[in-house]
Structures are given as structure tokens and as C-alpha cells.
Amino acid sequence: MPGFRINTNVNASGPIFDGRAQRAANEYADQLRYRVATEAEDMVHARLRQVLKHPTGYYESRIRVERAGDTYQVTDGGVIYGPWLEGTGSRNFPVTRFRGYATFRRVKALIDRRAPGIAQRLLRRYIGRM
């Protein structure tokens, strides 16, 4: 029985093969983390405007988004009375009557529910780039 040989040449091109898709996916993931963090920061500021009785502006001015490794976090910059305002300090209830405002904890629950919508809106930009 005679044998035969098949030779093929494959030319792989396009966004998956030249790295564009991976770069876009990495950029999307980073932008998504940043967008969620900045929206959370805005929500923390809005909540503090509602709950603080006599704001001086100092605490609010320290709240910002900071890079933490490969992600972002909303922080009060380590303000000494931050845990007391949040309600997690050693001087909160039962030591005093003040239970704290739970601002960051409440905003975390809210932003967790909003994150999928933020992701979908942002994804529309990146799909067109591939």
C-alpha cells in the first residue's frame, strides 16, 4: 500500500496570538479594581456627610484610594480615631455608648452589590479593542 504525506503550514495571527487580548484583559482587570475602589471612596464620603455631627474636614480629607499590591483599597490613611468612628475600636461600646458609624462596612456591602454592574459597563469599552 502506497504511503502519502500531508504538509500543513499554520499562520496564527490576531489578538489572541499577538498578546493584545491578554494585555486588554489585564488592563480591564486593573481598571475594574480601580473603578470599584473609586466608587466605594465616593460612597464613603457621601455616607460620612450624612452621619458626622460636627465634621472638621480632617478625617474626610484622609480618605482615599491606595494601591495595595495588585489591587486597590479605600483607606482613611491610618487616622488614629478611624477605628473609633468605624465602631471597631477598643473605646467603643461597651466602654462608651458610641457604637460607631460602620461606614466602611456598610459601603463594602453596597459596593459588592454594585460591582457586577460596574464590570459590565467597563467591559463594553474593552470588547471593541480586541
N, C-alpha and C. Protein backbone atom coordinates (compact mmCIF):
# COMPACT_ATOMS: atom_id res chain seq x y z
N MET A 1 0.84 -1.17 0.00
CA MET A 1 0.00 0.00 0.00
C MET A 1 0.89 1.24 0.00
N PRO A 2 0.63 2.14 -0.92
CA PRO A 2 1.47 3.34 -1.00
C PRO A 2 1.16 4.29 0.17
N GLY A 3 2.16 4.96 0.64
CA GLY A 3 2.00 5.95 1.71
C GLY A 3 1.87 7.35 1.14
N PHE A 4 1.36 8.22 1.92
CA PHE A 4 1.29 9.60 1.46
C PHE A 4 1.61 10.52 2.63
N ARG A 5 1.99 11.71 2.31
CA ARG A 5 2.42 12.67 3.29
C ARG A 5 1.61 13.95 3.10
N ILE A 6 1.21 14.54 4.21
CA ILE A 6 0.49 15.83 4.19
C ILE A 6 1.32 16.84 4.95
N ASN A 7 1.62 17.92 4.32
CA ASN A 7 2.32 19.03 4.96
C ASN A 7 1.35 20.19 5.12
N THR A 8 1.35 20.77 6.29
CA THR A 8 0.49 21.94 6.53
C THR A 8 1.32 23.05 7.13
N ASN A 9 0.93 24.24 6.83
CA ASN A 9 1.51 25.43 7.43
C ASN A 9 0.38 26.19 8.11
N VAL A 10 0.59 26.53 9.35
CA VAL A 10 -0.42 27.28 10.11
C VAL A 10 0.15 28.64 10.42
N ASN A 11 -0.62 29.66 10.13
CA ASN A 11 -0.23 31.03 10.43
C ASN A 11 -1.22 31.56 11.47
N ALA A 12 -0.80 31.64 12.70
CA ALA A 12 -1.67 32.12 13.78
C ALA A 12 -1.47 33.63 13.92
N SER A 13 -2.54 34.34 13.75
CA SER A 13 -2.47 35.79 13.91
C SER A 13 -3.75 36.27 14.58
N GLY A 14 -3.73 37.48 15.05
CA GLY A 14 -4.89 38.06 15.70
C GLY A 14 -4.60 38.38 17.15
N PRO A 15 -5.57 38.96 17.83
CA PRO A 15 -5.35 39.46 19.19
C PRO A 15 -4.98 38.37 20.21
N ILE A 16 -5.47 37.17 20.03
CA ILE A 16 -5.14 36.12 20.98
C ILE A 16 -3.68 35.71 20.83
N PHE A 17 -3.20 35.68 19.60
CA PHE A 17 -1.85 35.18 19.35
C PHE A 17 -0.77 36.25 19.47
N ASP A 18 -1.11 37.51 19.26
CA ASP A 18 -0.07 38.54 19.34
C ASP A 18 -0.04 39.25 20.70
N GLY A 19 -0.86 38.81 21.66
CA GLY A 19 -0.79 39.36 23.01
C GLY A 19 -1.74 40.50 23.30
N ARG A 20 -2.43 41.01 22.27
CA ARG A 20 -3.35 42.12 22.52
C ARG A 20 -4.48 41.74 23.46
N ALA A 21 -5.01 40.55 23.30
CA ALA A 21 -6.13 40.12 24.15
C ALA A 21 -5.70 40.01 25.61
N GLN A 22 -4.54 39.46 25.84
CA GLN A 22 -4.04 39.33 27.22
C GLN A 22 -3.78 40.69 27.84
N ARG A 23 -3.18 41.60 27.08
CA ARG A 23 -2.94 42.95 27.59
C ARG A 23 -4.26 43.65 27.91
N ALA A 24 -5.24 43.51 27.03
CA ALA A 24 -6.55 44.14 27.26
C ALA A 24 -7.23 43.53 28.48
N ALA A 25 -7.11 42.23 28.65
CA ALA A 25 -7.72 41.58 29.81
C ALA A 25 -7.06 42.04 31.11
N ASN A 26 -5.74 42.16 31.10
CA ASN A 26 -5.03 42.64 32.29
C ASN A 26 -5.39 44.09 32.60
N GLU A 27 -5.45 44.91 31.56
CA GLU A 27 -5.81 46.31 31.76
C GLU A 27 -7.25 46.44 32.26
N TYR A 28 -8.13 45.63 31.70
CA TYR A 28 -9.53 45.63 32.15
C TYR A 28 -9.63 45.27 33.62
N ALA A 29 -8.94 44.22 34.04
CA ALA A 29 -9.00 43.78 35.43
C ALA A 29 -8.48 44.88 36.37
N ASP A 30 -7.38 45.53 35.98
CA ASP A 30 -6.84 46.60 36.81
C ASP A 30 -7.79 47.80 36.86
N GLN A 31 -8.32 48.19 35.70
CA GLN A 31 -9.26 49.31 35.66
C GLN A 31 -10.52 49.01 36.46
N LEU A 32 -10.98 47.78 36.41
CA LEU A 32 -12.18 47.39 37.16
C LEU A 32 -11.93 47.53 38.65
N ARG A 33 -10.81 47.04 39.12
CA ARG A 33 -10.48 47.18 40.55
C ARG A 33 -10.43 48.65 40.94
N TYR A 34 -9.82 49.47 40.09
CA TYR A 34 -9.70 50.90 40.39
C TYR A 34 -11.08 51.58 40.38
N ARG A 35 -11.90 51.27 39.39
CA ARG A 35 -13.24 51.89 39.32
C ARG A 35 -14.10 51.52 40.51
N VAL A 36 -14.06 50.26 40.92
CA VAL A 36 -14.84 49.83 42.08
C VAL A 36 -14.34 50.57 43.32
N ALA A 37 -13.04 50.70 43.46
CA ALA A 37 -12.47 51.39 44.62
C ALA A 37 -12.84 52.87 44.63
N THR A 38 -12.79 53.53 43.48
CA THR A 38 -13.13 54.96 43.46
C THR A 38 -14.62 55.18 43.72
N GLU A 39 -15.45 54.27 43.24
CA GLU A 39 -16.88 54.40 43.55
C GLU A 39 -17.11 54.17 45.04
N ALA A 40 -16.40 53.23 45.63
CA ALA A 40 -16.51 52.99 47.06
C ALA A 40 -16.04 54.21 47.84
N GLU A 41 -14.98 54.85 47.38
CA GLU A 41 -14.50 56.07 48.03
C GLU A 41 -15.57 57.15 48.00
N ASP A 42 -16.22 57.33 46.86
CA ASP A 42 -17.30 58.32 46.76
C ASP A 42 -18.44 57.99 47.71
N MET A 43 -18.75 56.70 47.83
CA MET A 43 -19.83 56.28 48.72
C MET A 43 -19.46 56.51 50.19
N VAL A 44 -18.20 56.30 50.55
CA VAL A 44 -17.75 56.56 51.92
C VAL A 44 -17.90 58.05 52.23
N HIS A 45 -17.47 58.90 51.31
CA HIS A 45 -17.60 60.35 51.51
C HIS A 45 -19.07 60.75 51.67
N ALA A 46 -19.93 60.21 50.84
CA ALA A 46 -21.36 60.53 50.92
C ALA A 46 -21.93 60.08 52.26
N ARG A 47 -21.57 58.91 52.71
CA ARG A 47 -22.07 58.39 53.99
C ARG A 47 -21.58 59.24 55.14
N LEU A 48 -20.32 59.64 55.11
CA LEU A 48 -19.79 60.47 56.19
C LEU A 48 -20.48 61.83 56.25
N ARG A 49 -20.84 62.36 55.08
CA ARG A 49 -21.58 63.64 55.09
C ARG A 49 -22.93 63.48 55.78
N GLN A 50 -23.49 62.29 55.74
CA GLN A 50 -24.78 62.03 56.39
C GLN A 50 -24.65 61.84 57.90
N VAL A 51 -23.60 61.15 58.35
CA VAL A 51 -23.55 60.72 59.75
C VAL A 51 -22.72 61.60 60.67
N LEU A 52 -21.71 62.27 60.17
CA LEU A 52 -20.87 63.06 61.06
C LEU A 52 -21.63 64.28 61.57
N LYS A 53 -21.63 64.43 62.88
CA LYS A 53 -22.39 65.53 63.50
C LYS A 53 -21.67 66.87 63.38
N HIS A 54 -20.38 66.87 63.66
CA HIS A 54 -19.59 68.10 63.62
C HIS A 54 -18.30 67.85 62.84
N PRO A 55 -18.40 67.73 61.52
CA PRO A 55 -17.21 67.40 60.74
C PRO A 55 -16.22 68.56 60.69
N THR A 56 -14.94 68.21 60.83
CA THR A 56 -13.89 69.23 60.73
C THR A 56 -13.26 69.22 59.35
N GLY A 57 -13.47 68.16 58.62
CA GLY A 57 -12.88 68.03 57.30
C GLY A 57 -11.60 67.23 57.29
N TYR A 58 -10.97 67.09 58.45
CA TYR A 58 -9.70 66.38 58.50
C TYR A 58 -9.88 64.90 58.15
N TYR A 59 -10.81 64.24 58.81
CA TYR A 59 -11.00 62.82 58.56
C TYR A 59 -11.40 62.56 57.12
N GLU A 60 -12.32 63.35 56.61
CA GLU A 60 -12.77 63.17 55.23
C GLU A 60 -11.63 63.39 54.24
N SER A 61 -10.72 64.31 54.56
CA SER A 61 -9.61 64.60 53.65
C SER A 61 -8.60 63.46 53.59
N ARG A 62 -8.60 62.57 54.57
CA ARG A 62 -7.65 61.46 54.61
C ARG A 62 -8.17 60.22 53.89
N ILE A 63 -9.42 60.19 53.52
CA ILE A 63 -9.99 59.02 52.86
C ILE A 63 -9.61 59.07 51.39
N ARG A 64 -8.99 58.00 50.94
CA ARG A 64 -8.54 57.95 49.54
C ARG A 64 -8.35 56.51 49.10
N VAL A 65 -8.18 56.35 47.81
CA VAL A 65 -7.89 55.04 47.22
C VAL A 65 -6.38 54.89 47.16
N GLU A 66 -5.90 53.76 47.66
CA GLU A 66 -4.47 53.47 47.62
C GLU A 66 -4.24 52.13 46.94
N ARG A 67 -3.12 52.04 46.27
CA ARG A 67 -2.72 50.78 45.64
C ARG A 67 -2.23 49.84 46.74
N ALA A 68 -2.68 48.60 46.70
CA ALA A 68 -2.26 47.59 47.67
C ALA A 68 -1.91 46.32 46.91
N GLY A 69 -0.66 46.19 46.52
CA GLY A 69 -0.25 45.05 45.71
C GLY A 69 -0.82 45.16 44.32
N ASP A 70 -1.60 44.16 43.91
CA ASP A 70 -2.20 44.20 42.58
C ASP A 70 -3.65 44.67 42.62
N THR A 71 -4.08 45.22 43.75
CA THR A 71 -5.45 45.71 43.87
C THR A 71 -5.44 47.11 44.47
N TYR A 72 -6.62 47.62 44.77
CA TYR A 72 -6.77 48.94 45.36
C TYR A 72 -7.63 48.82 46.61
N GLN A 73 -7.42 49.74 47.55
CA GLN A 73 -8.25 49.75 48.75
C GLN A 73 -8.60 51.18 49.12
N VAL A 74 -9.72 51.33 49.78
CA VAL A 74 -10.13 52.63 50.29
C VAL A 74 -9.70 52.66 51.75
N THR A 75 -8.97 53.68 52.12
CA THR A 75 -8.42 53.76 53.46
C THR A 75 -8.58 55.16 54.03
N ASP A 76 -8.52 55.25 55.34
CA ASP A 76 -8.55 56.56 55.99
C ASP A 76 -7.13 57.03 56.33
N GLY A 77 -6.15 56.35 55.77
CA GLY A 77 -4.76 56.76 55.95
C GLY A 77 -4.23 56.52 57.35
N GLY A 78 -4.91 55.70 58.14
CA GLY A 78 -4.43 55.40 59.49
C GLY A 78 -4.74 56.47 60.51
N VAL A 79 -5.75 57.28 60.27
CA VAL A 79 -6.14 58.29 61.25
C VAL A 79 -6.39 57.60 62.59
N ILE A 80 -5.85 58.16 63.64
CA ILE A 80 -5.85 57.49 64.94
C ILE A 80 -7.26 57.20 65.46
N TYR A 81 -8.22 58.04 65.16
CA TYR A 81 -9.57 57.81 65.66
C TYR A 81 -10.48 57.16 64.62
N GLY A 82 -9.91 56.67 63.52
CA GLY A 82 -10.67 55.98 62.50
C GLY A 82 -11.40 54.74 63.01
N PRO A 83 -10.71 53.85 63.75
CA PRO A 83 -11.42 52.68 64.29
C PRO A 83 -12.57 53.07 65.23
N TRP A 84 -12.42 54.15 65.96
CA TRP A 84 -13.49 54.60 66.85
C TRP A 84 -14.70 55.04 66.04
N LEU A 85 -14.47 55.81 64.97
CA LEU A 85 -15.58 56.24 64.12
C LEU A 85 -16.24 55.05 63.43
N GLU A 86 -15.45 54.07 63.06
CA GLU A 86 -15.99 52.89 62.39
C GLU A 86 -16.75 52.00 63.37
N GLY A 87 -16.35 52.03 64.64
CA GLY A 87 -17.01 51.21 65.65
C GLY A 87 -16.25 49.94 65.96
N THR A 88 -15.00 49.89 65.57
CA THR A 88 -14.19 48.70 65.82
C THR A 88 -13.08 48.95 66.84
N GLY A 89 -13.05 50.13 67.41
CA GLY A 89 -12.00 50.48 68.36
C GLY A 89 -12.26 49.93 69.75
N SER A 90 -11.23 49.97 70.57
CA SER A 90 -11.34 49.47 71.94
C SER A 90 -12.17 50.41 72.83
N ARG A 91 -12.40 51.62 72.38
CA ARG A 91 -13.16 52.59 73.18
C ARG A 91 -14.63 52.69 72.78
N ASN A 92 -15.07 51.80 71.91
CA ASN A 92 -16.48 51.78 71.53
C ASN A 92 -17.27 50.97 72.56
N PHE A 93 -18.54 50.81 72.28
CA PHE A 93 -19.43 50.05 73.15
C PHE A 93 -18.80 48.71 73.50
N PRO A 94 -18.77 48.26 74.71
CA PRO A 94 -19.46 48.70 75.90
C PRO A 94 -18.71 49.70 76.76
N VAL A 95 -17.49 50.10 76.39
CA VAL A 95 -16.74 51.08 77.18
C VAL A 95 -17.47 52.42 77.15
N THR A 96 -17.94 52.83 75.98
CA THR A 96 -18.76 54.05 75.87
C THR A 96 -20.05 53.67 75.15
N ARG A 97 -20.96 54.60 75.08
CA ARG A 97 -22.23 54.32 74.41
C ARG A 97 -22.10 54.35 72.89
N PHE A 98 -21.06 54.96 72.39
CA PHE A 98 -20.90 55.14 70.95
C PHE A 98 -20.54 53.83 70.27
N ARG A 99 -21.35 53.39 69.35
CA ARG A 99 -21.14 52.13 68.64
C ARG A 99 -20.42 52.33 67.29
N GLY A 100 -20.20 53.54 66.89
CA GLY A 100 -19.53 53.81 65.62
C GLY A 100 -20.53 53.92 64.49
N TYR A 101 -20.06 54.39 63.34
CA TYR A 101 -20.93 54.60 62.19
C TYR A 101 -20.93 53.43 61.21
N ALA A 102 -19.95 52.54 61.30
CA ALA A 102 -19.83 51.37 60.41
C ALA A 102 -19.85 51.79 58.94
N THR A 103 -19.25 52.91 58.64
CA THR A 103 -19.26 53.45 57.29
C THR A 103 -18.61 52.51 56.28
N PHE A 104 -17.39 52.09 56.58
CA PHE A 104 -16.67 51.24 55.63
C PHE A 104 -17.35 49.88 55.48
N ARG A 105 -17.85 49.34 56.58
CA ARG A 105 -18.53 48.04 56.50
C ARG A 105 -19.81 48.13 55.69
N ARG A 106 -20.56 49.19 55.85
CA ARG A 106 -21.80 49.35 55.08
C ARG A 106 -21.51 49.58 53.60
N VAL A 107 -20.51 50.39 53.33
CA VAL A 107 -20.16 50.67 51.94
C VAL A 107 -19.64 49.40 51.26
N LYS A 108 -18.90 48.57 51.98
CA LYS A 108 -18.42 47.33 51.39
C LYS A 108 -19.59 46.46 50.93
N ALA A 109 -20.61 46.36 51.75
CA ALA A 109 -21.78 45.56 51.36
C ALA A 109 -22.46 46.16 50.14
N LEU A 110 -22.56 47.48 50.08
CA LEU A 110 -23.20 48.13 48.94
C LEU A 110 -22.37 47.99 47.66
N ILE A 111 -21.07 48.17 47.77
CA ILE A 111 -20.22 48.12 46.58
C ILE A 111 -20.11 46.69 46.05
N ASP A 112 -20.21 45.71 46.93
CA ASP A 112 -20.21 44.32 46.46
C ASP A 112 -21.42 44.05 45.56
N ARG A 113 -22.54 44.69 45.85
CA ARG A 113 -23.72 44.52 45.01
C ARG A 113 -23.62 45.32 43.72
N ARG A 114 -22.92 46.44 43.73
CA ARG A 114 -22.79 47.29 42.54
C ARG A 114 -21.69 46.84 41.59
N ALA A 115 -20.73 46.10 42.07
CA ALA A 115 -19.55 45.74 41.27
C ALA A 115 -19.89 45.05 39.95
N PRO A 116 -20.84 44.10 39.91
CA PRO A 116 -21.14 43.48 38.61
C PRO A 116 -21.61 44.49 37.56
N GLY A 117 -22.40 45.47 37.95
CA GLY A 117 -22.84 46.49 37.01
C GLY A 117 -21.69 47.35 36.52
N ILE A 118 -20.78 47.69 37.41
CA ILE A 118 -19.59 48.45 37.03
C ILE A 118 -18.76 47.64 36.04
N ALA A 119 -18.63 46.35 36.31
CA ALA A 119 -17.84 45.47 35.43
C ALA A 119 -18.45 45.39 34.04
N GLN A 120 -19.76 45.28 33.96
CA GLN A 120 -20.42 45.20 32.65
C GLN A 120 -20.26 46.49 31.85
N ARG A 121 -20.43 47.63 32.52
CA ARG A 121 -20.27 48.91 31.81
C ARG A 121 -18.85 49.09 31.29
N LEU A 122 -17.87 48.72 32.10
CA LEU A 122 -16.48 48.88 31.71
C LEU A 122 -16.08 47.89 30.61
N LEU A 123 -16.64 46.70 30.65
CA LEU A 123 -16.30 45.67 29.67
C LEU A 123 -16.64 46.09 28.24
N ARG A 124 -17.69 46.86 28.07
CA ARG A 124 -18.09 47.31 26.73
C ARG A 124 -16.95 48.04 26.02
N ARG A 125 -16.17 48.79 26.76
CA ARG A 125 -15.03 49.51 26.16
C ARG A 125 -13.95 48.55 25.65
N TYR A 126 -13.71 47.51 26.42
CA TYR A 126 -12.59 46.63 26.10
C TYR A 126 -12.92 45.61 25.03
N ILE A 127 -14.17 45.25 24.89
CA ILE A 127 -14.55 44.29 23.86
C ILE A 127 -14.26 44.86 22.47
N GLY A 128 -14.51 46.14 22.28
CA GLY A 128 -14.26 46.76 20.99
C GLY A 128 -12.79 46.89 20.63
N ARG A 129 -11.91 46.75 21.58
CA ARG A 129 -10.47 46.92 21.34
C ARG A 129 -9.80 45.62 20.88
N MET A 130 -10.48 44.52 20.97
CA MET A 130 -9.85 43.25 20.61
C MET A 130 -10.08 42.89 19.17
